[in-house]
Structure formats: structure tokens, C-alpha cells
Amino acid sequence: MDSTEADIGKLPIKEILRKLSGIMSVSKQESKKKDKLLKRIIADGSPELIDALRRAGVDHQQQKVSSRRVRKRRIEEDLETLTARKIPRLQEGTSGDIATTPTTFLQVPSTDELPATMHLHWARVASVPESVTFKKMVCGV
């Protein structure tokens, strides 16, 4: 496969066929397989057509690369934003009146401690705006 064929091959079959319409006719078999289509174009196509398809293939490849970079950059920025928002929430969740340590994690309060614990929980719920409280109570996750 030479460089011209490789450059044209970067285009999708539909794009190649769209650019060929009205200029060159191809059989149904050639339109289904890219390698047959490329061989036909190089064998029977005019130099102007081949050059235009080659440039279109190079442009198509450059657009794919640049869109990947933009998407990757956007994903990285979104991740940084989510992390920046998540850190204060995690710190807020760990700082509280009831300290959670590995030894007290998942321990059920005794009947004497239960009213004080519930009082602290409902005091925290009352201090949060209603929409946030509703979301947390409904979701419960």
C-alpha cells in the first residue's frame, strides 16, 4: 500500500463514495470493500480526483486527532472539577461531632447514646438547605 492509497484509506467508505458521486462510477462489490475501492480509484481516477481524496483523507485524520485531544482535555478538566468539589464534601463528611475511627466504624450506639446521636443527626439535617436534604433523604446512598 503506497502513501496515496494510505492517505485516501483514512476516509470512511461513505465519505469516499460521496466524493466520487457524479465523477466516477463504481460497482456494488467495489463500494462494499475499501481495498477494492481504493485500487479502482488509483487505477481509473484522474490525478485531480486522487489528489483531492488524498488531501481529504489527511484532513480527516487531523480532525480526528484534534477532536480526541479536545475530548481528552475536557475529560481531564471535568475530572479536576469533580475532584475539587468532592474533596470539601469528603472533608465535611469526616469532620463532625461524632468521630469515626476504625474501631467505632459500624458500631451501633447504645440505648443511652441513641438520643444524643439522633439529636446531632437531625441538627445537621436542619442546617442543610431543604433541596439538598430532600435529595439525600430520598436517595439515601
N, C-alpha and C. Protein backbone atom coordinates (compact mmCIF):
# COMPACT_ATOMS: atom_id res chain seq x y z
N MET A 1 0.86 -1.18 0.00
CA MET A 1 0.00 0.00 0.00
C MET A 1 0.90 1.24 0.00
N ASP A 2 0.77 2.04 -1.02
CA ASP A 2 1.61 3.23 -1.09
C ASP A 2 0.98 4.37 -0.27
N SER A 3 1.69 5.48 -0.20
CA SER A 3 1.23 6.57 0.68
C SER A 3 -0.07 7.19 0.19
N THR A 4 -0.27 7.27 -1.11
CA THR A 4 -1.51 7.83 -1.64
C THR A 4 -2.69 6.97 -1.23
N GLU A 5 -2.54 5.67 -1.38
CA GLU A 5 -3.61 4.74 -1.00
C GLU A 5 -3.86 4.80 0.50
N ALA A 6 -2.78 4.93 1.28
CA ALA A 6 -2.93 5.02 2.74
C ALA A 6 -3.64 6.31 3.13
N ASP A 7 -3.31 7.42 2.46
CA ASP A 7 -3.95 8.69 2.78
C ASP A 7 -5.43 8.67 2.44
N ILE A 8 -5.77 8.11 1.29
CA ILE A 8 -7.18 8.02 0.90
C ILE A 8 -7.90 7.05 1.82
N GLY A 9 -7.22 6.00 2.24
CA GLY A 9 -7.80 4.99 3.12
C GLY A 9 -8.19 5.51 4.49
N LYS A 10 -7.73 6.68 4.86
CA LYS A 10 -8.10 7.27 6.15
C LYS A 10 -9.55 7.75 6.15
N LEU A 11 -10.10 7.95 4.95
CA LEU A 11 -11.50 8.38 4.84
C LEU A 11 -12.43 7.18 4.99
N PRO A 12 -13.60 7.37 5.59
CA PRO A 12 -14.59 6.28 5.63
C PRO A 12 -15.12 6.00 4.23
N ILE A 13 -15.60 4.80 3.99
CA ILE A 13 -16.11 4.41 2.68
C ILE A 13 -17.23 5.36 2.23
N LYS A 14 -18.15 5.69 3.13
CA LYS A 14 -19.26 6.58 2.77
C LYS A 14 -18.76 7.93 2.27
N GLU A 15 -17.72 8.46 2.91
CA GLU A 15 -17.17 9.75 2.51
C GLU A 15 -16.51 9.65 1.12
N ILE A 16 -15.80 8.56 0.90
CA ILE A 16 -15.17 8.36 -0.41
C ILE A 16 -16.25 8.28 -1.50
N LEU A 17 -17.29 7.49 -1.24
CA LEU A 17 -18.37 7.34 -2.23
C LEU A 17 -19.09 8.66 -2.47
N ARG A 18 -19.26 9.46 -1.43
CA ARG A 18 -19.91 10.75 -1.58
C ARG A 18 -19.08 11.66 -2.48
N LYS A 19 -17.76 11.63 -2.30
CA LYS A 19 -16.89 12.48 -3.12
C LYS A 19 -16.79 11.96 -4.56
N LEU A 20 -17.03 10.65 -4.77
CA LEU A 20 -16.96 10.07 -6.11
C LEU A 20 -18.26 10.26 -6.89
N SER A 21 -19.36 10.52 -6.19
CA SER A 21 -20.66 10.57 -6.88
C SER A 21 -20.65 11.64 -7.97
N GLY A 22 -21.09 11.22 -9.17
CA GLY A 22 -21.13 12.13 -10.30
C GLY A 22 -19.80 12.27 -11.03
N ILE A 23 -18.73 11.74 -10.47
CA ILE A 23 -17.41 11.86 -11.10
C ILE A 23 -16.97 10.51 -11.65
N MET A 24 -17.18 9.48 -10.86
CA MET A 24 -16.70 8.15 -11.24
C MET A 24 -17.70 7.12 -10.73
N SER A 25 -18.00 6.12 -11.55
CA SER A 25 -18.94 5.08 -11.12
C SER A 25 -18.15 3.87 -10.62
N VAL A 26 -18.68 3.25 -9.58
CA VAL A 26 -18.05 2.06 -9.02
C VAL A 26 -19.12 0.98 -8.88
N SER A 27 -18.68 -0.27 -8.96
CA SER A 27 -19.63 -1.38 -8.83
C SER A 27 -20.02 -1.55 -7.36
N LYS A 28 -21.07 -2.35 -7.16
CA LYS A 28 -21.55 -2.60 -5.80
C LYS A 28 -20.49 -3.34 -4.98
N GLN A 29 -19.78 -4.28 -5.61
CA GLN A 29 -18.72 -5.02 -4.92
C GLN A 29 -17.60 -4.08 -4.50
N GLU A 30 -17.24 -3.15 -5.37
CA GLU A 30 -16.16 -2.21 -5.05
C GLU A 30 -16.58 -1.24 -3.94
N SER A 31 -17.87 -0.92 -3.90
CA SER A 31 -18.32 0.03 -2.88
C SER A 31 -18.44 -0.62 -1.50
N LYS A 32 -18.40 -1.94 -1.44
CA LYS A 32 -18.52 -2.64 -0.15
C LYS A 32 -17.15 -2.86 0.52
N LYS A 33 -16.11 -3.00 -0.27
CA LYS A 33 -14.77 -3.28 0.27
C LYS A 33 -13.85 -2.11 -0.01
N LYS A 34 -13.23 -1.59 1.05
CA LYS A 34 -12.39 -0.40 0.90
C LYS A 34 -11.16 -0.68 0.05
N ASP A 35 -10.53 -1.84 0.21
CA ASP A 35 -9.32 -2.12 -0.57
C ASP A 35 -9.62 -2.18 -2.06
N LYS A 36 -10.75 -2.78 -2.44
CA LYS A 36 -11.13 -2.83 -3.86
C LYS A 36 -11.45 -1.42 -4.37
N LEU A 37 -12.12 -0.63 -3.54
CA LEU A 37 -12.48 0.73 -3.93
C LEU A 37 -11.23 1.58 -4.14
N LEU A 38 -10.26 1.46 -3.23
CA LEU A 38 -9.03 2.24 -3.36
C LEU A 38 -8.24 1.84 -4.62
N LYS A 39 -8.18 0.53 -4.90
CA LYS A 39 -7.46 0.07 -6.11
C LYS A 39 -8.12 0.60 -7.37
N ARG A 40 -9.46 0.63 -7.37
CA ARG A 40 -10.19 1.14 -8.54
C ARG A 40 -9.94 2.64 -8.73
N ILE A 41 -9.96 3.38 -7.63
CA ILE A 41 -9.74 4.83 -7.70
C ILE A 41 -8.34 5.13 -8.24
N ILE A 42 -7.34 4.42 -7.72
CA ILE A 42 -5.96 4.68 -8.14
C ILE A 42 -5.75 4.24 -9.59
N ALA A 43 -6.43 3.16 -10.00
CA ALA A 43 -6.26 2.67 -11.37
C ALA A 43 -6.98 3.55 -12.39
N ASP A 44 -8.20 3.99 -12.07
CA ASP A 44 -9.02 4.68 -13.07
C ASP A 44 -9.32 6.15 -12.76
N GLY A 45 -8.94 6.63 -11.61
CA GLY A 45 -9.26 8.01 -11.23
C GLY A 45 -8.31 9.02 -11.84
N SER A 46 -8.82 10.23 -12.03
CA SER A 46 -7.97 11.30 -12.56
C SER A 46 -6.99 11.75 -11.46
N PRO A 47 -5.86 12.31 -11.85
CA PRO A 47 -4.90 12.78 -10.85
C PRO A 47 -5.51 13.84 -9.91
N GLU A 48 -6.40 14.68 -10.44
CA GLU A 48 -7.04 15.71 -9.60
C GLU A 48 -7.93 15.05 -8.54
N LEU A 49 -8.68 14.01 -8.96
CA LEU A 49 -9.55 13.30 -8.02
C LEU A 49 -8.73 12.61 -6.94
N ILE A 50 -7.69 11.94 -7.35
CA ILE A 50 -6.83 11.22 -6.39
C ILE A 50 -6.21 12.21 -5.41
N ASP A 51 -5.74 13.35 -5.91
CA ASP A 51 -5.13 14.36 -5.04
C ASP A 51 -6.16 14.94 -4.07
N ALA A 52 -7.37 15.21 -4.57
CA ALA A 52 -8.41 15.75 -3.70
C ALA A 52 -8.78 14.74 -2.61
N LEU A 53 -8.91 13.47 -2.96
CA LEU A 53 -9.22 12.43 -1.96
C LEU A 53 -8.07 12.26 -0.97
N ARG A 54 -6.85 12.34 -1.46
CA ARG A 54 -5.69 12.21 -0.57
C ARG A 54 -5.67 13.34 0.46
N ARG A 55 -5.90 14.58 -0.01
CA ARG A 55 -5.94 15.73 0.91
C ARG A 55 -7.10 15.61 1.90
N ALA A 56 -8.24 15.13 1.41
CA ALA A 56 -9.40 14.95 2.30
C ALA A 56 -9.10 13.90 3.37
N GLY A 57 -8.37 12.84 3.00
CA GLY A 57 -8.01 11.81 3.97
C GLY A 57 -7.07 12.34 5.04
N VAL A 58 -6.10 13.14 4.63
CA VAL A 58 -5.16 13.73 5.60
C VAL A 58 -5.91 14.70 6.53
N ASP A 59 -6.80 15.52 5.95
CA ASP A 59 -7.59 16.45 6.78
C ASP A 59 -8.48 15.70 7.75
N HIS A 60 -9.08 14.60 7.28
CA HIS A 60 -9.95 13.79 8.14
C HIS A 60 -9.16 13.24 9.33
N GLN A 61 -7.97 12.74 9.06
CA GLN A 61 -7.13 12.20 10.14
C GLN A 61 -6.74 13.28 11.14
N GLN A 62 -6.39 14.47 10.66
CA GLN A 62 -6.03 15.57 11.56
C GLN A 62 -7.21 16.00 12.41
N GLN A 63 -8.41 16.01 11.84
CA GLN A 63 -9.60 16.37 12.61
C GLN A 63 -9.87 15.34 13.70
N LYS A 64 -9.67 14.05 13.39
CA LYS A 64 -9.87 13.01 14.39
C LYS A 64 -8.90 13.19 15.56
N VAL A 65 -7.65 13.47 15.24
CA VAL A 65 -6.63 13.64 16.29
C VAL A 65 -6.95 14.86 17.15
N SER A 66 -7.31 15.97 16.50
CA SER A 66 -7.60 17.18 17.28
C SER A 66 -8.86 17.01 18.12
N SER A 67 -9.88 16.31 17.61
CA SER A 67 -11.09 16.11 18.42
C SER A 67 -10.79 15.19 19.60
N ARG A 68 -9.90 14.21 19.43
CA ARG A 68 -9.51 13.36 20.55
C ARG A 68 -8.82 14.18 21.64
N ARG A 69 -7.94 15.09 21.20
CA ARG A 69 -7.23 15.94 22.17
C ARG A 69 -8.21 16.81 22.93
N VAL A 70 -9.17 17.38 22.22
CA VAL A 70 -10.17 18.24 22.87
C VAL A 70 -10.99 17.43 23.86
N ARG A 71 -11.44 16.24 23.45
CA ARG A 71 -12.21 15.38 24.35
C ARG A 71 -11.40 14.99 25.57
N LYS A 72 -10.14 14.62 25.35
CA LYS A 72 -9.29 14.21 26.46
C LYS A 72 -9.07 15.37 27.42
N ARG A 73 -8.84 16.57 26.88
CA ARG A 73 -8.65 17.75 27.72
C ARG A 73 -9.93 18.04 28.50
N ARG A 74 -11.08 17.92 27.85
CA ARG A 74 -12.36 18.18 28.52
C ARG A 74 -12.59 17.17 29.64
N ILE A 75 -12.25 15.91 29.40
CA ILE A 75 -12.42 14.89 30.43
C ILE A 75 -11.50 15.18 31.61
N GLU A 76 -10.25 15.58 31.34
CA GLU A 76 -9.32 15.90 32.42
C GLU A 76 -9.82 17.10 33.22
N GLU A 77 -10.36 18.13 32.53
CA GLU A 77 -10.88 19.30 33.25
C GLU A 77 -12.09 18.93 34.08
N ASP A 78 -12.97 18.09 33.53
CA ASP A 78 -14.14 17.65 34.28
C ASP A 78 -13.72 16.85 35.52
N LEU A 79 -12.71 16.02 35.36
CA LEU A 79 -12.22 15.23 36.48
C LEU A 79 -11.65 16.12 37.57
N GLU A 80 -10.89 17.15 37.15
CA GLU A 80 -10.33 18.09 38.14
C GLU A 80 -11.45 18.83 38.86
N THR A 81 -12.49 19.24 38.13
CA THR A 81 -13.61 19.95 38.73
C THR A 81 -14.34 19.04 39.71
N LEU A 82 -14.60 17.81 39.31
CA LEU A 82 -15.28 16.88 40.20
C LEU A 82 -14.46 16.60 41.45
N THR A 83 -13.16 16.45 41.27
CA THR A 83 -12.28 16.20 42.41
C THR A 83 -12.28 17.40 43.34
N ALA A 84 -12.22 18.61 42.76
CA ALA A 84 -12.21 19.82 43.58
C ALA A 84 -13.51 19.95 44.37
N ARG A 85 -14.62 19.51 43.78
CA ARG A 85 -15.89 19.57 44.50
C ARG A 85 -16.02 18.45 45.52
N LYS A 86 -15.42 17.31 45.23
CA LYS A 86 -15.59 16.15 46.08
C LYS A 86 -14.76 16.25 47.37
N ILE A 87 -13.56 16.84 47.28
CA ILE A 87 -12.68 16.92 48.45
C ILE A 87 -13.34 17.67 49.61
N PRO A 88 -13.91 18.86 49.40
CA PRO A 88 -14.57 19.52 50.53
C PRO A 88 -15.75 18.71 51.09
N ARG A 89 -16.49 18.02 50.19
CA ARG A 89 -17.60 17.20 50.68
C ARG A 89 -17.10 16.05 51.53
N LEU A 90 -15.99 15.45 51.11
CA LEU A 90 -15.44 14.35 51.90
C LEU A 90 -14.92 14.85 53.24
N GLN A 91 -14.26 16.01 53.22
CA GLN A 91 -13.77 16.58 54.47
C GLN A 91 -14.93 16.97 55.38
N GLU A 92 -15.99 17.48 54.78
CA GLU A 92 -17.17 17.86 55.57
C GLU A 92 -17.80 16.63 56.20
N GLY A 93 -17.79 15.53 55.45
CA GLY A 93 -18.39 14.30 55.97
C GLY A 93 -17.58 13.69 57.09
N THR A 94 -16.25 13.88 57.08
CA THR A 94 -15.43 13.30 58.13
C THR A 94 -15.35 14.19 59.36
N SER A 95 -15.50 15.51 59.15
CA SER A 95 -15.44 16.38 60.32
C SER A 95 -16.85 16.49 60.90
N GLY A 96 -16.97 16.18 62.11
CA GLY A 96 -18.28 16.23 62.75
C GLY A 96 -18.13 16.04 64.24
N ASP A 97 -19.26 16.01 64.90
CA ASP A 97 -19.23 15.85 66.34
C ASP A 97 -18.94 14.41 66.73
N ILE A 98 -19.30 13.48 65.89
CA ILE A 98 -19.05 12.08 66.19
C ILE A 98 -17.83 11.64 65.39
N ALA A 99 -16.77 11.33 66.06
CA ALA A 99 -15.54 10.93 65.39
C ALA A 99 -15.66 9.47 64.96
N THR A 100 -15.28 9.20 63.73
CA THR A 100 -15.32 7.84 63.22
C THR A 100 -13.89 7.33 63.12
N THR A 101 -13.63 6.29 63.82
CA THR A 101 -12.33 5.65 63.77
C THR A 101 -12.55 4.21 63.35
N PRO A 102 -11.49 3.51 62.98
CA PRO A 102 -11.68 2.11 62.58
C PRO A 102 -12.33 1.25 63.67
N THR A 103 -12.12 1.59 64.90
CA THR A 103 -12.71 0.78 65.97
C THR A 103 -14.19 1.11 66.19
N THR A 104 -14.61 2.35 65.87
CA THR A 104 -16.01 2.72 66.09
C THR A 104 -16.85 2.64 64.82
N PHE A 105 -16.23 2.32 63.72
CA PHE A 105 -16.96 2.24 62.46
C PHE A 105 -17.98 1.12 62.51
N LEU A 106 -19.18 1.38 62.11
CA LEU A 106 -20.30 0.45 62.07
C LEU A 106 -20.74 -0.07 63.44
N GLN A 107 -20.40 0.64 64.48
CA GLN A 107 -20.90 0.26 65.80
C GLN A 107 -22.24 0.95 66.03
N VAL A 108 -23.17 0.20 66.53
CA VAL A 108 -24.49 0.74 66.82
C VAL A 108 -24.43 1.41 68.19
N PRO A 109 -24.99 2.65 68.31
CA PRO A 109 -24.95 3.30 69.62
C PRO A 109 -25.84 2.56 70.63
N SER A 110 -25.46 2.66 71.87
CA SER A 110 -26.25 2.02 72.92
C SER A 110 -27.55 2.80 73.11
N THR A 111 -28.45 2.26 73.87
CA THR A 111 -29.75 2.91 74.09
C THR A 111 -29.57 4.24 74.81
N ASP A 112 -28.52 4.39 75.61
CA ASP A 112 -28.27 5.66 76.29
C ASP A 112 -27.70 6.71 75.31
N GLU A 113 -26.88 6.28 74.36
CA GLU A 113 -26.27 7.20 73.40
C GLU A 113 -27.19 7.55 72.23
N LEU A 114 -28.22 6.75 72.00
CA LEU A 114 -29.07 6.93 70.84
C LEU A 114 -29.76 8.29 70.78
N PRO A 115 -30.36 8.82 71.84
CA PRO A 115 -31.00 10.14 71.74
C PRO A 115 -30.01 11.25 71.39
N ALA A 116 -28.81 11.21 71.95
CA ALA A 116 -27.81 12.24 71.64
C ALA A 116 -27.36 12.13 70.19
N THR A 117 -27.21 10.92 69.72
CA THR A 117 -26.80 10.70 68.33
C THR A 117 -27.88 11.20 67.37
N MET A 118 -29.12 10.89 67.65
CA MET A 118 -30.22 11.33 66.78
C MET A 118 -30.34 12.85 66.80
N HIS A 119 -30.12 13.44 67.97
CA HIS A 119 -30.19 14.90 68.07
C HIS A 119 -29.13 15.54 67.16
N LEU A 120 -27.89 15.00 67.17
CA LEU A 120 -26.82 15.53 66.32
C LEU A 120 -27.15 15.34 64.84
N HIS A 121 -27.70 14.18 64.51
CA HIS A 121 -28.05 13.90 63.12
C HIS A 121 -29.10 14.88 62.63
N TRP A 122 -30.16 15.07 63.37
CA TRP A 122 -31.23 15.97 62.92
C TRP A 122 -30.81 17.43 62.97
N ALA A 123 -29.86 17.77 63.82
CA ALA A 123 -29.34 19.14 63.82
C ALA A 123 -28.57 19.39 62.52
N ARG A 124 -27.81 18.39 62.06
CA ARG A 124 -27.09 18.52 60.78
C ARG A 124 -28.07 18.60 59.62
N VAL A 125 -29.12 17.80 59.65
CA VAL A 125 -30.11 17.80 58.57
C VAL A 125 -30.81 19.15 58.52
N ALA A 126 -31.12 19.73 59.67
CA ALA A 126 -31.83 21.01 59.71
C ALA A 126 -30.95 22.15 59.21
N SER A 127 -29.63 22.02 59.32
CA SER A 127 -28.74 23.10 58.91
C SER A 127 -28.50 23.13 57.39
N VAL A 128 -28.86 22.06 56.68
CA VAL A 128 -28.66 21.97 55.23
C VAL A 128 -29.91 22.51 54.54
N PRO A 129 -29.77 23.21 53.39
CA PRO A 129 -30.96 23.67 52.67
C PRO A 129 -31.90 22.52 52.33
N GLU A 130 -33.18 22.82 52.19
CA GLU A 130 -34.20 21.79 52.04
C GLU A 130 -33.99 20.92 50.80
N SER A 131 -33.61 21.49 49.68
CA SER A 131 -33.47 20.70 48.46
C SER A 131 -32.37 19.65 48.60
N VAL A 132 -31.27 20.03 49.23
CA VAL A 132 -30.16 19.08 49.43
C VAL A 132 -30.60 17.99 50.41
N THR A 133 -31.29 18.38 51.46
CA THR A 133 -31.75 17.41 52.44
C THR A 133 -32.70 16.42 51.80
N PHE A 134 -33.62 16.93 51.00
CA PHE A 134 -34.57 16.06 50.34
C PHE A 134 -33.86 15.05 49.44
N LYS A 135 -32.88 15.52 48.67
CA LYS A 135 -32.15 14.63 47.78
C LYS A 135 -31.42 13.54 48.57
N LYS A 136 -30.81 13.92 49.67
CA LYS A 136 -30.07 12.93 50.45
C LYS A 136 -31.00 11.93 51.12
N MET A 137 -32.16 12.41 51.58
CA MET A 137 -33.08 11.52 52.27
C MET A 137 -33.74 10.58 51.28
N VAL A 138 -34.05 11.05 50.06
CA VAL A 138 -34.70 10.21 49.08
C VAL A 138 -33.70 9.21 48.51
N CYS A 139 -32.51 9.66 48.16
CA CYS A 139 -31.51 8.79 47.58
C CYS A 139 -30.97 7.83 48.62
N GLY A 140 -30.53 8.36 49.73
CA GLY A 140 -30.06 7.54 50.83
C GLY A 140 -28.77 6.81 50.56
N VAL A 141 -28.04 7.20 49.54
CA VAL A 141 -26.80 6.50 49.21
C VAL A 141 -25.63 7.26 49.72
